[in-house]
C-alpha atoms as a PDB file:
ATOM      1  CA  UNK A   1      82.893  44.723  -6.043  1.00  0.00           C
ATOM      2  CA  UNK A   2      84.273  45.309  -9.537  1.00  0.00           C
ATOM      3  CA  UNK A   3      84.072  41.595 -10.405  1.00  0.00           C
ATOM      4  CA  UNK A   4      80.396  41.583  -9.399  1.00  0.00           C
ATOM      5  CA  UNK A   5      79.753  44.660 -11.519  1.00  0.00           C
ATOM      6  CA  UNK A   6      81.688  43.151 -14.440  1.00  0.00           C
ATOM      7  CA  UNK A   7      79.710  39.905 -14.157  1.00  0.00           C
ATOM      8  CA  UNK A   8      76.417  41.828 -14.340  1.00  0.00           C
ATOM      9  CA  UNK A   9      77.629  43.682 -17.438  1.00  0.00           C
ATOM     10  CA  UNK A  10      78.571  40.355 -19.086  1.00  0.00           C
ATOM     11  CA  UNK A  11      75.160  38.863 -18.286  1.00  0.00           C
ATOM     12  CA  UNK A  12      73.477  41.970 -19.683  1.00  0.00           C
ATOM     13  CA  UNK A  13      75.516  41.724 -22.904  1.00  0.00           C
ATOM     14  CA  UNK A  14      74.925  37.968 -23.323  1.00  0.00           C
ATOM     15  CA  UNK A  15      71.173  38.420 -22.967  1.00  0.00           C
ATOM     16  CA  UNK A  16      71.164  40.937 -25.820  1.00  0.00           C
ATOM     17  CA  UNK A  17      70.857  43.898 -23.509  1.00  0.00           C
ATOM     18  CA  UNK A  18      67.509  42.692 -22.156  1.00  0.00           C
ATOM     19  CA  UNK A  19      66.833  41.637 -18.599  1.00  0.00           C
ATOM     20  CA  UNK A  20      65.384  38.119 -18.482  1.00  0.00           C
ATOM     21  CA  UNK A  21      63.143  37.000 -15.673  1.00  0.00           C
ATOM     22  CA  UNK A  22      64.414  34.274 -13.390  1.00  0.00           C
ATOM     23  CA  UNK A  23      61.815  31.771 -14.574  1.00  0.00           C
ATOM     24  CA  UNK A  24      62.502  32.396 -18.262  1.00  0.00           C
ATOM     25  CA  UNK A  25      66.172  31.680 -17.547  1.00  0.00           C
ATOM     26  CA  UNK A  26      65.169  28.589 -15.576  1.00  0.00           C
ATOM     27  CA  UNK A  27      63.503  27.015 -18.605  1.00  0.00           C
ATOM     28  CA  UNK A  28      66.158  28.190 -21.077  1.00  0.00           C
ATOM     29  CA  UNK A  29      68.984  25.805 -21.867  1.00  0.00           C
ATOM     30  CA  UNK A  30      72.456  26.997 -20.756  1.00  0.00           C
ATOM     31  CA  UNK A  31      71.164  30.257 -19.289  1.00  0.00           C
ATOM     32  CA  UNK A  32      73.618  32.779 -17.878  1.00  0.00           C
ATOM     33  CA  UNK A  33      73.023  33.375 -14.171  1.00  0.00           C
ATOM     34  CA  UNK A  34      73.959  36.792 -12.850  1.00  0.00           C
ATOM     35  CA  UNK A  35      73.906  35.877  -9.188  1.00  0.00           C
ATOM     36  CA  UNK A  36      74.634  32.647  -7.373  1.00  0.00           C
ATOM     37  CA  UNK A  37      71.532  32.922  -5.193  1.00  0.00           C
ATOM     38  CA  UNK A  38      69.268  33.319  -8.195  1.00  0.00           C
ATOM     39  CA  UNK A  39      70.159  29.863  -9.527  1.00  0.00           C
ATOM     40  CA  UNK A  40      69.991  28.319  -6.052  1.00  0.00           C
ATOM     41  CA  UNK A  41      66.457  29.742  -5.666  1.00  0.00           C
ATOM     42  CA  UNK A  42      65.451  28.091  -8.932  1.00  0.00           C
ATOM     43  CA  UNK A  43      66.851  24.747  -7.760  1.00  0.00           C
ATOM     44  CA  UNK A  44      65.018  25.141  -4.442  1.00  0.00           C
ATOM     45  CA  UNK A  45      61.633  25.888  -6.044  1.00  0.00           C
ATOM     46  CA  UNK A  46      61.951  23.208  -8.714  1.00  0.00           C
ATOM     47  CA  UNK A  47      62.523  20.768  -5.902  1.00  0.00           C
ATOM     48  CA  UNK A  48      59.306  21.934  -4.183  1.00  0.00           C
ATOM     49  CA  UNK A  49      57.330  21.528  -7.413  1.00  0.00           C
ATOM     50  CA  UNK A  50      58.686  17.998  -7.847  1.00  0.00           C
ATOM     51  CA  UNK A  51      57.729  17.202  -4.234  1.00  0.00           C
ATOM     52  CA  UNK A  52      54.123  18.299  -4.773  1.00  0.00           C
ATOM     53  CA  UNK A  53      53.753  16.385  -8.039  1.00  0.00           C
ATOM     54  CA  UNK A  54      55.257  13.173  -6.642  1.00  0.00           C
ATOM     55  CA  UNK A  55      53.278  13.504  -3.402  1.00  0.00           C
ATOM     56  CA  UNK A  56      50.016  13.660  -5.354  1.00  0.00           C
ATOM     57  CA  UNK A  57      51.012  10.709  -7.559  1.00  0.00           C
ATOM     58  CA  UNK A  58      52.115   8.606  -4.568  1.00  0.00           C
ATOM     59  CA  UNK A  59      48.873   9.442  -2.733  1.00  0.00           C
ATOM     60  CA  UNK A  60      46.582   8.636  -5.654  1.00  0.00           C
ATOM     61  CA  UNK A  61      48.433   5.418  -6.502  1.00  0.00           C
ATOM     62  CA  UNK A  62      48.362   3.856  -3.054  1.00  0.00           C
ATOM     63  CA  UNK A  63      52.108   3.592  -2.649  1.00  0.00           C
ATOM     64  CA  UNK A  64      53.261   2.871   0.897  1.00  0.00           C
ATOM     65  CA  UNK A  65      56.349   2.571   3.012  1.00  0.00           C
ATOM     66  CA  UNK A  66      60.046   2.762   2.456  1.00  0.00           C
ATOM     67  CA  UNK A  67      59.764   2.023  -1.257  1.00  0.00           C
ATOM     68  CA  UNK A  68      57.814   5.248  -1.826  1.00  0.00           C
ATOM     69  CA  UNK A  69      60.335   7.297   0.145  1.00  0.00           C
ATOM     70  CA  UNK A  70      63.308   5.713  -1.633  1.00  0.00           C
ATOM     71  CA  UNK A  71      61.829   6.270  -5.085  1.00  0.00           C
ATOM     72  CA  UNK A  72      61.067   9.901  -4.202  1.00  0.00           C
ATOM     73  CA  UNK A  73      64.663  10.492  -3.087  1.00  0.00           C
ATOM     74  CA  UNK A  74      66.108   8.964  -6.252  1.00  0.00           C
ATOM     75  CA  UNK A  75      63.761  10.854  -8.584  1.00  0.00           C
ATOM     76  CA  UNK A  76      64.146  14.158  -6.739  1.00  0.00           C
ATOM     77  CA  UNK A  77      67.940  14.044  -6.651  1.00  0.00           C
ATOM     78  CA  UNK A  78      68.217  12.591 -10.150  1.00  0.00           C
ATOM     79  CA  UNK A  79      65.978  15.100 -11.889  1.00  0.00           C
ATOM     80  CA  UNK A  80      67.709  18.058 -10.261  1.00  0.00           C
ATOM     81  CA  UNK A  81      71.148  16.624 -11.027  1.00  0.00           C
ATOM     82  CA  UNK A  82      70.221  16.252 -14.696  1.00  0.00           C
ATOM     83  CA  UNK A  83      68.784  19.770 -14.664  1.00  0.00           C
ATOM     84  CA  UNK A  84      71.884  21.547 -13.403  1.00  0.00           C
ATOM     85  CA  UNK A  85      74.517  19.318 -15.022  1.00  0.00           C
ATOM     86  CA  UNK A  86      73.007  18.618 -18.451  1.00  0.00           C
ATOM     87  CA  UNK A  87      70.304  21.214 -19.128  1.00  0.00           C
ATOM     88  CA  UNK A  88      71.815  24.304 -17.493  1.00  0.00           C
ATOM     89  CA  UNK A  89      75.434  23.069 -17.642  1.00  0.00           C
ATOM     90  CA  UNK A  90      76.507  25.244 -14.731  1.00  0.00           C
ATOM     91  CA  UNK A  91      79.938  24.968 -13.149  1.00  0.00           C
ATOM     92  CA  UNK A  92      79.151  22.968 -10.008  1.00  0.00           C
ATOM     93  CA  UNK A  93      82.309  24.184  -8.260  1.00  0.00           C
ATOM     94  CA  UNK A  94      81.038  27.759  -8.471  1.00  0.00           C
ATOM     95  CA  UNK A  95      78.118  26.676  -6.268  1.00  0.00           C
ATOM     96  CA  UNK A  96      80.112  24.589  -3.798  1.00  0.00           C
ATOM     97  CA  UNK A  97      80.233  21.315  -5.702  1.00  0.00           C
ATOM     98  CA  UNK A  98      77.772  18.750  -6.955  1.00  0.00           C
ATOM     99  CA  UNK A  99      76.761  17.668  -3.469  1.00  0.00           C
ATOM    100  CA  UNK A 100      75.805  21.213  -2.421  1.00  0.00           C
ATOM    101  CA  UNK A 101      73.562  21.635  -5.455  1.00  0.00           C
ATOM    102  CA  UNK A 102      72.077  18.163  -5.009  1.00  0.00           C
ATOM    103  CA  UNK A 103      71.093  18.788  -1.382  1.00  0.00           C
ATOM    104  CA  UNK A 104      69.894  22.406  -1.866  1.00  0.00           C
ATOM    105  CA  UNK A 105      66.350  22.465  -0.425  1.00  0.00           C
ATOM    106  CA  UNK A 106      66.116  18.677  -0.198  1.00  0.00           C
ATOM    107  CA  UNK A 107      64.825  18.423   3.383  1.00  0.00           C
ATOM    108  CA  UNK A 108      62.067  20.987   2.890  1.00  0.00           C
ATOM    109  CA  UNK A 109      60.973  19.245  -0.297  1.00  0.00           C
ATOM    110  CA  UNK A 110      61.019  15.916   1.536  1.00  0.00           C
ATOM    111  CA  UNK A 111      58.779  17.333   4.271  1.00  0.00           C
ATOM    112  CA  UNK A 112      56.411  18.830   1.677  1.00  0.00           C
ATOM    113  CA  UNK A 113      56.329  15.526  -0.196  1.00  0.00           C
ATOM    114  CA  UNK A 114      55.387  13.647   2.982  1.00  0.00           C
ATOM    115  CA  UNK A 115      52.604  16.088   3.837  1.00  0.00           C
ATOM    116  CA  UNK A 116      51.091  15.970   0.344  1.00  0.00           C
ATOM    117  CA  UNK A 117      51.461  12.189   0.131  1.00  0.00           C
ATOM    118  CA  UNK A 118      49.781  11.662   3.505  1.00  0.00           C
ATOM    119  CA  UNK A 119      46.934  14.075   2.745  1.00  0.00           C
ATOM    120  CA  UNK A 120      46.110  12.518  -0.630  1.00  0.00           C
ATOM    121  CA  UNK A 121      46.547   8.943   0.574  1.00  0.00           C
ATOM    122  CA  UNK A 122      44.329   9.539   3.606  1.00  0.00           C
ATOM    123  CA  UNK A 123      41.668  11.372   1.603  1.00  0.00           C
ATOM    124  CA  UNK A 124      41.409   8.689  -1.079  1.00  0.00           C
ATOM    125  CA  UNK A 125      42.249   5.391   0.628  1.00  0.00           C
ATOM    126  CA  UNK A 126      41.368   5.723   4.308  1.00  0.00           C
ATOM    127  CA  UNK A 127      38.594   3.362   5.437  1.00  0.00           C
END
């Protein structure tokens, strides 16, 4: 309990005594995360945003088949990997390793991507 309390005091001091919102920390380079779940929530929701954007693009540009799925997987995993390793520079081991961060929320974003892709493709290109 004392380490948790000490960590919160350090975060408070690093942020200049001001409490930052989660989303302002998410877009700030090398932000200090007070809680593990807070950063994992950001990774999860960024993944959902990426899924929606790519689903719309794939639906508008009539991309089909395995190629579309493979490109989505590479972009989704790659963008999030760059985000947490280069932009935020978090210690991956603190969150269970690189693989745990890379797969955080992946299946739900994949399902959302498929739904959005199918809806836009069907609405624009169905005969």
